[in-house]
Protein backbone atom coordinates (compact mmCIF):
# COMPACT_ATOMS: atom_id res chain seq x y z
CA MET A 1 60.38 -50.93 -41.92
CA TYR A 2 57.66 -47.68 -40.45
CA ARG A 3 53.60 -48.09 -39.81
CA LEU A 4 51.70 -45.22 -40.86
CA ILE A 5 47.79 -45.02 -39.65
CA THR A 6 45.37 -43.52 -40.91
CA ALA A 7 41.78 -42.92 -41.56
CA ASN A 8 39.18 -42.83 -43.60
CA ARG A 9 40.20 -41.41 -47.85
CA ASN A 10 37.76 -39.35 -48.17
CA TYR A 11 37.24 -37.50 -45.11
CA SER A 12 40.85 -37.50 -43.17
CA SER A 13 42.95 -34.79 -44.77
CA TRP A 14 45.44 -34.74 -42.08
CA SER A 15 46.62 -38.53 -43.12
CA LEU A 16 46.72 -37.58 -46.64
CA ARG A 17 49.97 -35.13 -46.06
CA PRO A 18 51.99 -37.84 -44.95
CA TRP A 19 50.62 -40.52 -46.65
CA VAL A 20 50.85 -38.77 -50.21
CA LEU A 21 54.30 -37.13 -49.41
CA MET A 22 55.96 -41.39 -48.69
CA THR A 23 54.38 -42.77 -51.34
CA THR A 24 55.36 -40.18 -53.81
CA LEU A 25 58.79 -39.88 -52.26
CA GLY A 26 59.42 -43.91 -52.30
CA ILE A 27 59.36 -44.07 -48.53
CA GLN A 28 58.35 -47.30 -47.86
CA PHE A 29 55.99 -48.14 -44.96
CA ALA A 30 53.17 -50.52 -43.83
CA ASP A 31 49.82 -48.97 -44.50
CA GLU A 32 47.24 -49.51 -41.66
CA GLN A 33 44.05 -47.43 -41.84
CA VAL A 34 41.96 -47.22 -39.40
CA THR A 35 38.07 -46.06 -39.57
CA PHE A 36 36.41 -43.01 -37.87
CA ALA A 37 33.31 -43.85 -35.53
CA GLY A 38 32.31 -40.47 -35.29
CA LEU A 39 33.76 -36.54 -35.23
CA ASP A 40 35.70 -37.71 -32.22
CA ASN A 41 37.26 -40.45 -32.19
CA TYR A 42 39.76 -39.57 -29.37
CA ALA A 43 39.12 -42.43 -26.59
CA GLU A 44 39.52 -45.21 -29.52
CA PHE A 45 42.51 -43.49 -30.99
CA ARG A 46 44.07 -43.25 -27.47
CA ARG A 47 45.25 -46.70 -28.19
CA PHE A 48 47.99 -46.01 -30.66
CA SER A 49 48.20 -42.08 -30.62
CA PRO A 50 49.22 -39.92 -27.40
CA SER A 51 47.13 -37.28 -29.24
CA GLY A 52 43.86 -39.21 -29.77
CA GLN A 53 44.19 -38.51 -33.14
CA VAL A 54 45.94 -39.10 -36.76
CA PRO A 55 48.06 -39.78 -38.96
CA VAL A 56 50.54 -41.21 -36.39
CA LEU A 57 54.25 -42.84 -37.18
CA VAL A 58 55.06 -46.13 -35.83
CA ASP A 59 59.03 -46.77 -36.07
CA GLY A 60 60.47 -49.78 -34.14
CA ASP A 61 59.73 -48.49 -30.67
CA ARG A 62 59.18 -44.92 -31.33
CA THR A 63 55.58 -43.23 -31.38
CA VAL A 64 55.68 -39.65 -33.72
CA TRP A 65 52.39 -38.57 -34.13
CA ASP A 66 50.75 -34.69 -35.61
CA SER A 67 51.46 -34.95 -39.47
CA LEU A 68 53.93 -31.92 -38.84
CA GLY A 69 56.33 -34.15 -36.57
CA ILE A 70 55.76 -36.89 -38.93
CA VAL A 71 57.60 -34.72 -41.33
CA LEU A 72 59.88 -33.00 -39.76
CA TYR A 73 60.70 -36.82 -38.04
CA LEU A 74 61.30 -37.77 -41.89
CA ALA A 75 62.76 -34.91 -43.17
CA ASP A 76 66.07 -35.83 -40.51
CA ARG A 77 66.43 -39.16 -42.33
CA HIS A 78 65.28 -38.84 -46.20
CA PRO A 79 66.59 -36.37 -48.55
CA GLY A 80 63.64 -34.73 -50.58
CA VAL A 81 61.53 -33.73 -47.73
CA TRP A 82 62.65 -30.42 -47.74
CA PRO A 83 63.98 -28.73 -50.94
CA ALA A 84 67.69 -28.29 -51.46
CA ASP A 85 68.09 -24.81 -51.64
CA GLU A 86 67.93 -23.17 -48.53
CA THR A 87 65.53 -20.04 -49.51
CA ALA A 88 62.80 -22.69 -51.42
CA LYS A 89 64.14 -24.55 -48.54
CA ALA A 90 62.80 -21.26 -46.28
CA TRP A 91 59.46 -20.69 -47.96
CA ALA A 92 58.31 -24.55 -47.95
CA GLN A 93 58.24 -24.94 -44.51
CA SER A 94 56.72 -21.32 -43.50
CA VAL A 95 54.39 -22.04 -45.90
CA ALA A 96 53.54 -25.87 -44.35
CA ALA A 97 53.44 -24.55 -41.29
CA GLU A 98 51.42 -21.77 -42.22
CA MET A 99 48.96 -24.49 -43.45
CA HIS A 100 49.00 -26.57 -40.79
CA GLY A 101 48.35 -23.99 -38.50
CA GLY A 102 45.76 -21.43 -40.38
CA PHE A 103 43.33 -21.31 -42.98
CA GLY A 104 40.24 -22.67 -40.56
CA ALA A 105 37.21 -20.63 -42.68
CA LEU A 106 38.77 -23.35 -45.49
CA ARG A 107 38.70 -26.36 -42.89
CA ASN A 108 35.18 -25.76 -41.27
CA ASP A 109 33.70 -23.86 -44.34
CA CYS A 110 34.89 -26.47 -46.85
CA THR A 111 35.21 -29.54 -45.04
CA MET A 112 36.87 -32.69 -47.03
CA ASN A 113 35.46 -35.35 -49.00
CA VAL A 114 36.89 -36.59 -51.98
CA GLY A 115 34.12 -38.18 -53.87
CA VAL A 116 32.07 -35.79 -53.50
CA ARG A 117 31.14 -32.19 -56.32
CA VAL A 118 29.31 -29.75 -54.32
CA ARG A 119 27.99 -25.92 -54.85
CA ARG A 120 29.60 -23.98 -51.79
CA ASN A 121 27.56 -21.91 -49.68
CA PRO A 122 28.38 -17.45 -50.67
CA ASP A 123 31.66 -17.97 -49.13
CA SER A 124 32.25 -15.62 -45.64
CA PRO A 125 34.43 -13.30 -45.31
CA ALA A 126 37.06 -15.19 -43.37
CA LEU A 127 36.75 -17.95 -46.33
CA ALA A 128 37.35 -15.06 -48.71
CA ARG A 129 40.67 -14.24 -47.27
CA ASP A 130 41.44 -17.71 -46.82
CA ILE A 131 40.91 -18.19 -50.55
CA ALA A 132 42.85 -15.56 -51.37
CA ARG A 133 45.67 -16.45 -49.39
CA ILE A 134 46.27 -19.81 -51.10
CA SER A 135 46.33 -18.29 -54.68
CA GLU A 136 48.53 -16.05 -53.65
CA ILE A 137 51.15 -19.01 -51.72
CA PHE A 138 50.63 -20.90 -54.96
CA GLU A 139 51.64 -18.05 -57.69
CA GLU A 140 54.14 -16.94 -55.33
CA GLY A 141 55.77 -20.61 -54.92
CA LEU A 142 55.69 -21.29 -58.63
CA GLU A 143 56.83 -18.11 -60.11
CA ARG A 144 59.89 -17.40 -57.41
CA PHE A 145 61.13 -21.29 -58.07
CA GLY A 146 59.91 -22.08 -61.35
CA GLY A 147 57.80 -24.79 -60.71
CA PRO A 148 56.46 -27.77 -61.57
CA PHE A 149 56.01 -27.58 -58.02
CA LEU A 150 55.56 -25.59 -55.49
CA ALA A 151 58.89 -24.85 -54.08
CA GLY A 152 60.55 -25.83 -57.26
CA ALA A 153 61.17 -28.91 -59.86
CA GLU A 154 60.64 -32.20 -57.28
CA PHE A 155 57.24 -32.71 -54.85
CA THR A 156 58.10 -31.71 -51.58
CA ALA A 157 56.23 -31.24 -48.43
CA ALA A 158 54.97 -28.09 -49.25
CA ASP A 159 52.87 -30.21 -52.16
CA ALA A 160 52.30 -32.43 -49.16
CA PHE A 161 50.08 -30.15 -46.75
CA PHE A 162 48.26 -28.88 -49.41
CA ALA A 163 47.72 -31.86 -51.19
CA PRO A 164 43.96 -31.88 -49.11
CA VAL A 165 43.05 -28.38 -50.19
CA VAL A 166 43.20 -30.19 -54.11
CA PHE A 167 40.26 -32.25 -53.40
CA ARG A 168 38.91 -28.81 -51.62
CA ILE A 169 39.51 -26.60 -54.47
CA ARG A 170 38.01 -29.10 -57.30
CA GLY A 171 35.02 -30.65 -54.69
CA TYR A 172 33.88 -27.03 -54.06
CA ALA A 173 34.83 -25.31 -57.76
CA ILE A 174 37.35 -22.67 -56.25
CA ASP A 175 39.30 -20.26 -57.90
CA VAL A 176 43.28 -20.10 -57.31
CA GLY A 177 43.99 -18.45 -60.19
CA GLN A 178 45.73 -19.43 -63.49
CA LEU A 179 48.62 -20.82 -61.91
CA GLY A 180 47.05 -22.43 -59.43
CA THR A 181 44.81 -24.20 -61.36
CA ALA A 182 47.39 -25.49 -63.17
CA TRP A 183 49.49 -26.77 -59.80
CA VAL A 184 46.12 -28.75 -58.95
CA GLU A 185 45.55 -30.47 -62.23
CA ARG A 186 49.07 -31.11 -61.83
CA MET A 187 48.65 -32.71 -58.55
CA LEU A 188 45.43 -34.47 -59.60
CA ALA A 189 47.69 -36.41 -62.14
CA LEU A 190 50.59 -37.82 -59.49
CA PRO A 191 49.90 -41.63 -59.04
CA ALA A 192 49.70 -41.16 -55.55
CA MET A 193 46.90 -38.58 -55.13
CA ARG A 194 45.00 -41.27 -58.02
CA GLU A 195 45.76 -43.95 -55.81
CA TRP A 196 44.16 -42.15 -52.71
CA GLU A 197 41.29 -40.99 -54.58
CA ARG A 198 40.82 -44.51 -55.87
CA ALA A 199 40.93 -45.61 -52.58
CA ALA A 200 38.33 -43.20 -51.28
CA LEU A 201 35.48 -43.52 -54.23
CA ALA A 202 35.35 -47.68 -52.95
CA GLU A 203 34.96 -46.59 -49.67
CA PRO A 204 31.59 -48.24 -48.68
CA TYR A 205 31.51 -46.35 -46.20
CA ARG A 206 29.20 -42.73 -44.88
CA GLU A 207 30.08 -41.17 -40.99
CA GLU A 208 27.25 -39.27 -39.72
CA GLY A 209 29.41 -36.57 -38.02
CA HIS A 210 31.52 -35.66 -41.32
CA GLU A 211 28.14 -36.55 -43.75
CA ALA A 212 26.23 -33.23 -41.50
CA GLU A 213 29.50 -30.96 -41.66
CA LEU A 214 30.10 -31.61 -45.87
CA SER A 215 25.48 -30.55 -46.20
CA ALA A 216 26.07 -28.06 -44.44
CA ALA A 217 28.70 -26.26 -46.73
CA GLY A 218 26.57 -26.81 -49.45
CA SER A 219 24.53 -28.36 -52.11
CA ILE A 220 26.00 -31.97 -53.63
CA ILE A 221 25.63 -31.90 -57.38
CA ALA A 222 27.27 -35.48 -57.46
CA ASP A 223 28.96 -38.00 -55.67
CA TYR A 224 31.38 -40.30 -57.39
CA ARG A 225 31.68 -42.41 -53.97
CA ALA A 226 30.51 -46.58 -54.36
CA PRO A 227 26.30 -47.28 -52.79
CA LEU A 228 26.17 -47.89 -49.55
């Protein structure tokens, strides 16, 4: 059985991607969680991760790291990771790669924290561009491939790569248009996403660096996390 090593549910957007993909597709794995000691965990995480980061997939004597590397590895071994239709597959792979390598303003200005709601600071031009592009991706995929998921009728890695954005959209009240909003609500209702959220809300843990990023993003108007 695979081992999937991930970090705190509230903060670890990169961990969410393979976790929600494997859980939703029914790919069995042992769930192993580590805890962030700060914003830089390189030395500690190098025990199990060549990059010093999570997530990491362990398959026997093989170690696969990085969320995109993990998804590519799984796609060679399990059906359903990408759409069966070649056009939808090409589109899904492109937007997953775009999310993996881009949207820096969204990551920096709207840090992921599942359990809070934030009145965000005024959008920078870079953040406004990121939001506009994400809205465009949602509209294009849902219209072109007929939904209800981004690349068609079934949940795929395209949806998994945008799963952390779901919590950001909700947490920071980001407008992604009617179609995008409907997809966000559909994602929030997925059993795997609800399971991740329950675990995030139950974490009696705060990490100073991540909390500082949250404070810099705007004003916290609600916090649903377990008290310390």
